[in-house]
Amino acid sequence: MTAHYDRMVEQYVAYASCSPTRPIEVRTLLQLAGALEQRDVLDLACGSGYYGREFLRRGARSAVGVDQSQGMIDFARALSAHNDDDMVFHVRDVLDMADIGTFDIVLAAWLFNYADSPAALAAMFRAVARHVKPGGRLVIQTFNPDFRLARGDYSAYRVKVIDEQPWQSGARLELEFPGSPPARIINFRWSRREYDQAIAAAGFRPAVWHVPQVLDEDIARHPAGFWNDYVDNCMAVNLVCGR
């Protein structure tokens, strides 16, 4: 997966910079994170560092980004240098972050959807839990357990689900980002029950689940009916759990 993302930095950045769902995602993560003043933020699977940078811009005391792709981290560092912000980045696998420290808010946007088994999902949550301060929050965006390809491929939102196959107790999905050539990645969909079990086993309090909400301001930016598939068959879901 690391090398794969090293090869698709351009496609990922192009998608992220024009994704119509990005304002909804940022708004939801901010709402779930709560107060930012005097809070230290860890942005896992950070990519270009977009979310951590937004939290820093909106009042967080510090923001650290972690991604296992050297290409993504190189781009994130260059972007922070260009923006003259203080976000710090590390190339790490989420299972090996011993020297990263602990944080008030840990963001995991599109991280847990890479777990290829319930056991891997549980291992990820245990690893992440070590970096959430007592009283802190883990704020997640992941693949919606309720999404089904048969109900729509999500291509209106700049990423297309091109295949969905049964996988153990969940599903294996192949996604395509536009570009020349298009870039493809694999995600895994697990049930709410499997997420809740992994969260409890890692020592978190029970998670609160949130479906992203489309507001009037989102509707006004696009043609009528644009958000129908997003509302009826959203690929993303959010949850927040505390320690």
Protein backbone atom coordinates (compact mmCIF):
# COMPACT_ATOMS: atom_id res chain seq x y z
CA MET A 1 0.00 0.00 0.00
CA THR A 2 2.85 2.40 0.75
CA ALA A 3 4.45 2.10 -2.67
CA HIS A 4 1.02 2.26 -4.31
CA TYR A 5 0.29 5.66 -2.75
CA ASP A 6 3.77 6.84 -3.67
CA ARG A 7 2.73 6.27 -7.29
CA MET A 8 -0.61 8.08 -7.05
CA VAL A 9 0.20 11.34 -5.26
CA GLU A 10 -0.94 13.41 -8.27
CA GLN A 11 -4.28 11.63 -8.62
CA TYR A 12 -4.97 11.77 -4.91
CA VAL A 13 -4.16 15.47 -4.65
CA ALA A 14 -6.28 16.24 -7.73
CA TYR A 15 -9.20 14.36 -6.20
CA ALA A 16 -8.83 15.94 -2.77
CA SER A 17 -8.55 19.47 -4.14
CA CYS A 18 -11.85 19.29 -6.05
CA SER A 19 -13.88 16.75 -4.05
CA PRO A 20 -17.39 18.16 -3.56
CA THR A 21 -17.73 16.20 -0.32
CA ARG A 22 -14.67 17.78 1.33
CA PRO A 23 -16.55 20.72 2.97
CA ILE A 24 -19.01 18.26 4.53
CA GLU A 25 -16.20 16.04 5.77
CA VAL A 26 -14.25 18.92 7.35
CA ARG A 27 -17.37 20.33 8.99
CA THR A 28 -18.29 16.94 10.45
CA LEU A 29 -14.82 16.20 11.81
CA LEU A 30 -14.65 19.63 13.43
CA GLN A 31 -18.04 19.17 15.05
CA LEU A 32 -17.12 15.77 16.46
CA ALA A 33 -13.71 16.90 17.71
CA GLY A 34 -15.11 19.65 19.95
CA ALA A 35 -13.06 22.55 21.30
CA LEU A 36 -9.65 22.98 19.68
CA GLU A 37 -8.01 25.64 21.86
CA GLN A 38 -4.96 24.25 23.68
CA ARG A 39 -5.54 20.86 22.04
CA ASP A 40 -2.83 18.78 20.33
CA VAL A 41 -3.98 16.96 17.19
CA LEU A 42 -2.69 13.81 15.50
CA ASP A 43 -3.80 13.31 11.89
CA LEU A 44 -3.46 9.65 10.89
CA ALA A 45 -3.28 8.56 7.24
CA CYS A 46 -2.84 12.28 6.73
CA GLY A 47 -2.05 12.34 3.01
CA SER A 48 -1.40 16.00 2.20
CA GLY A 49 -2.13 16.96 5.82
CA TYR A 50 -5.37 18.70 4.90
CA TYR A 51 -7.40 17.87 7.99
CA GLY A 52 -4.64 18.44 10.52
CA ARG A 53 -3.81 21.73 8.82
CA GLU A 54 -7.47 22.81 9.02
CA PHE A 55 -7.54 22.01 12.74
CA LEU A 56 -4.33 23.98 13.24
CA ARG A 57 -5.75 26.91 11.30
CA ARG A 58 -8.90 26.85 13.41
CA GLY A 59 -7.17 27.03 16.77
CA ALA A 60 -5.46 23.76 17.69
CA ARG A 61 -2.20 24.20 19.61
CA SER A 62 -0.31 21.74 17.39
CA ALA A 63 -0.89 19.24 14.60
CA VAL A 64 1.18 16.20 13.67
CA GLY A 65 0.55 14.19 10.50
CA VAL A 66 1.43 10.52 10.03
CA ASP A 67 1.29 8.58 6.78
CA GLN A 68 3.10 5.47 5.61
CA SER A 69 3.69 6.90 2.12
CA GLN A 70 6.94 8.83 1.72
CA GLY A 71 5.55 10.47 -1.41
CA MET A 72 2.53 11.79 0.44
CA ILE A 73 4.63 13.08 3.33
CA ASP A 74 7.07 14.79 0.96
CA PHE A 75 4.13 16.59 -0.64
CA ALA A 76 2.62 17.47 2.77
CA ARG A 77 5.90 18.95 4.00
CA ALA A 78 6.28 21.01 0.82
CA LEU A 79 2.72 22.28 1.19
CA SER A 80 3.25 23.28 4.82
CA ALA A 81 6.47 25.07 3.86
CA HIS A 82 4.59 26.93 1.14
CA ASN A 83 1.78 27.83 3.57
CA ASP A 84 4.24 28.67 6.36
CA ASP A 85 2.32 26.59 8.88
CA ASP A 86 3.74 24.60 11.80
CA MET A 87 2.36 21.14 11.03
CA VAL A 88 4.91 18.36 11.59
CA PHE A 89 4.99 15.10 9.61
CA HIS A 90 6.30 11.56 10.07
CA VAL A 91 6.49 8.55 7.77
CA ARG A 92 5.09 5.76 9.91
CA ASP A 93 2.83 2.74 9.78
CA VAL A 94 -0.04 3.20 12.24
CA LEU A 95 1.00 0.00 13.99
CA ASP A 96 4.49 1.37 14.68
CA MET A 97 4.31 4.88 16.15
CA ALA A 98 6.14 4.39 19.44
CA ASP A 99 7.84 7.79 19.36
CA ILE A 100 4.85 9.88 18.24
CA GLY A 101 3.43 10.70 21.69
CA THR A 102 -0.12 11.25 22.93
CA PHE A 103 -2.75 13.75 21.79
CA ASP A 104 -6.02 15.32 22.84
CA ILE A 105 -7.62 14.69 19.44
CA VAL A 106 -6.69 11.91 17.06
CA LEU A 107 -8.15 12.10 13.56
CA ALA A 108 -8.43 8.94 11.49
CA ALA A 109 -10.02 9.92 8.18
CA TRP A 110 -9.93 6.97 5.78
CA LEU A 111 -7.63 4.80 7.85
CA PHE A 112 -9.59 1.90 9.31
CA ASN A 113 -11.09 1.04 5.92
CA TYR A 114 -7.68 -0.45 5.01
CA ALA A 115 -7.96 -3.18 7.66
CA ASP A 116 -8.29 -6.42 5.69
CA SER A 117 -9.78 -8.49 8.52
CA PRO A 118 -11.60 -7.95 11.82
CA ALA A 119 -8.36 -8.93 13.57
CA ALA A 120 -6.46 -6.24 11.65
CA LEU A 121 -9.20 -3.73 12.50
CA ALA A 122 -8.83 -4.56 16.20
CA ALA A 123 -5.03 -4.27 15.97
CA MET A 124 -5.34 -0.82 14.42
CA PHE A 125 -7.62 0.40 17.19
CA ARG A 126 -5.27 -0.95 19.88
CA ALA A 127 -2.33 0.83 18.25
CA VAL A 128 -4.20 4.12 17.89
CA ALA A 129 -5.53 3.99 21.46
CA ARG A 130 -1.98 4.31 22.80
CA HIS A 131 -1.80 7.81 21.32
CA VAL A 132 -5.09 9.20 22.68
CA LYS A 133 -4.69 11.01 26.00
CA PRO A 134 -7.01 10.09 28.87
CA GLY A 135 -10.09 12.22 28.29
CA GLY A 136 -9.16 12.62 24.62
CA ARG A 137 -11.15 11.78 21.51
CA LEU A 138 -10.67 9.59 18.48
CA VAL A 139 -12.59 11.04 15.53
CA ILE A 140 -13.04 8.68 12.59
CA GLN A 141 -14.17 8.78 9.01
CA THR A 142 -14.40 5.36 7.39
CA PHE A 143 -16.23 3.22 4.87
CA ASN A 144 -19.93 3.18 5.64
CA PRO A 145 -21.15 -0.31 6.62
CA ASP A 146 -24.44 0.52 4.85
CA PHE A 147 -22.94 1.42 1.44
CA ARG A 148 -23.77 -0.96 -1.41
CA LEU A 149 -22.39 -0.70 -4.94
CA ALA A 150 -25.67 -2.02 -6.33
CA ARG A 151 -27.29 1.24 -5.23
CA GLY A 152 -24.76 3.53 -6.97
CA ASP A 153 -21.05 3.74 -7.78
CA TYR A 154 -20.41 7.17 -6.18
CA SER A 155 -18.80 8.57 -9.34
CA ALA A 156 -20.67 11.88 -9.01
CA TYR A 157 -18.38 12.66 -6.07
CA ARG A 158 -15.05 12.24 -7.91
CA VAL A 159 -14.27 8.71 -6.77
CA LYS A 160 -15.84 5.61 -8.29
CA VAL A 161 -16.44 2.22 -6.70
CA ILE A 162 -15.78 -0.22 -9.52
CA ASP A 163 -16.04 -3.56 -7.73
CA GLU A 164 -17.50 -5.03 -4.55
CA GLN A 165 -16.90 -8.63 -3.49
CA PRO A 166 -17.71 -10.59 -0.32
CA TRP A 167 -14.65 -10.74 1.95
CA GLN A 168 -14.66 -12.76 5.16
CA SER A 169 -17.55 -11.26 7.17
CA GLY A 170 -17.50 -7.99 5.20
CA ALA A 171 -16.65 -6.82 1.70
CA ARG A 172 -13.62 -5.94 -0.41
CA LEU A 173 -14.11 -2.88 -2.62
CA GLU A 174 -12.00 -1.46 -5.43
CA LEU A 175 -12.09 2.33 -5.86
CA GLU A 176 -10.86 4.43 -8.75
CA PHE A 177 -9.62 8.02 -8.65
CA PRO A 178 -9.72 9.92 -11.98
CA GLY A 179 -6.45 10.81 -13.64
CA SER A 180 -4.08 9.85 -16.43
CA PRO A 181 -3.92 7.00 -15.76
CA PRO A 182 -6.67 6.50 -13.16
CA ALA A 183 -5.46 5.25 -9.77
CA ARG A 184 -7.06 2.34 -7.96
CA ILE A 185 -7.06 1.37 -4.29
CA ILE A 186 -8.63 -1.39 -2.21
CA ASN A 187 -10.90 -0.70 0.78
CA PHE A 188 -12.66 -3.05 3.16
CA ARG A 189 -16.15 -2.66 4.58
CA TRP A 190 -16.88 -4.01 8.06
CA SER A 191 -20.09 -3.98 10.07
CA ARG A 192 -20.90 -1.58 12.87
CA ARG A 193 -20.78 -4.51 15.24
CA GLU A 194 -17.19 -5.33 14.22
CA TYR A 195 -16.18 -1.69 14.66
CA ASP A 196 -17.89 -1.50 18.05
CA GLN A 197 -16.18 -4.69 19.22
CA ALA A 198 -12.74 -3.44 18.13
CA ILE A 199 -13.35 -0.08 19.81
CA ALA A 200 -14.37 -1.69 23.10
CA ALA A 201 -11.42 -4.11 23.05
CA ALA A 202 -9.02 -1.17 22.61
CA GLY A 203 -10.32 0.46 25.80
CA PHE A 204 -12.44 3.23 24.29
CA ARG A 205 -15.88 4.17 25.48
CA PRO A 206 -18.72 3.18 23.12
CA ALA A 207 -18.62 5.05 19.83
CA VAL A 208 -21.28 7.48 18.68
CA TRP A 209 -22.00 7.07 14.97
CA HIS A 210 -22.79 10.00 12.66
CA VAL A 211 -24.00 10.04 9.07
CA PRO A 212 -22.64 13.17 7.28
CA GLN A 213 -25.36 15.79 6.85
CA VAL A 214 -25.97 17.83 3.69
CA LEU A 215 -26.91 21.43 4.54
CA ASP A 216 -28.61 24.12 2.48
CA GLU A 217 -25.23 25.69 1.76
CA ASP A 218 -24.03 22.42 0.21
CA ILE A 219 -27.17 22.08 -1.90
CA ALA A 220 -26.82 25.65 -3.21
CA ARG A 221 -23.39 24.91 -4.72
CA HIS A 222 -24.63 22.15 -7.06
CA PRO A 223 -27.46 21.30 -9.47
CA ALA A 224 -30.76 19.94 -8.18
CA GLY A 225 -30.52 16.27 -7.23
CA PHE A 226 -26.71 16.28 -7.04
CA TRP A 227 -26.67 15.02 -3.45
CA ASN A 228 -29.33 12.30 -3.83
CA ASP A 229 -26.86 9.39 -4.03
CA TYR A 230 -24.79 10.87 -1.20
CA VAL A 231 -27.81 10.99 1.08
CA ASP A 232 -29.25 7.61 0.03
CA ASN A 233 -26.03 5.59 -0.23
CA CYS A 234 -23.19 7.53 1.40
CA MET A 235 -19.76 5.90 1.18
CA ALA A 236 -18.56 7.68 4.31
CA VAL A 237 -19.61 7.45 7.92
CA ASN A 238 -18.18 9.15 11.00
CA LEU A 239 -17.83 8.05 14.58
CA VAL A 240 -16.29 9.49 17.71
CA CYS A 241 -15.11 7.62 20.78
CA GLY A 242 -13.44 8.81 23.95
CA ARG A 243 -11.03 7.37 26.47
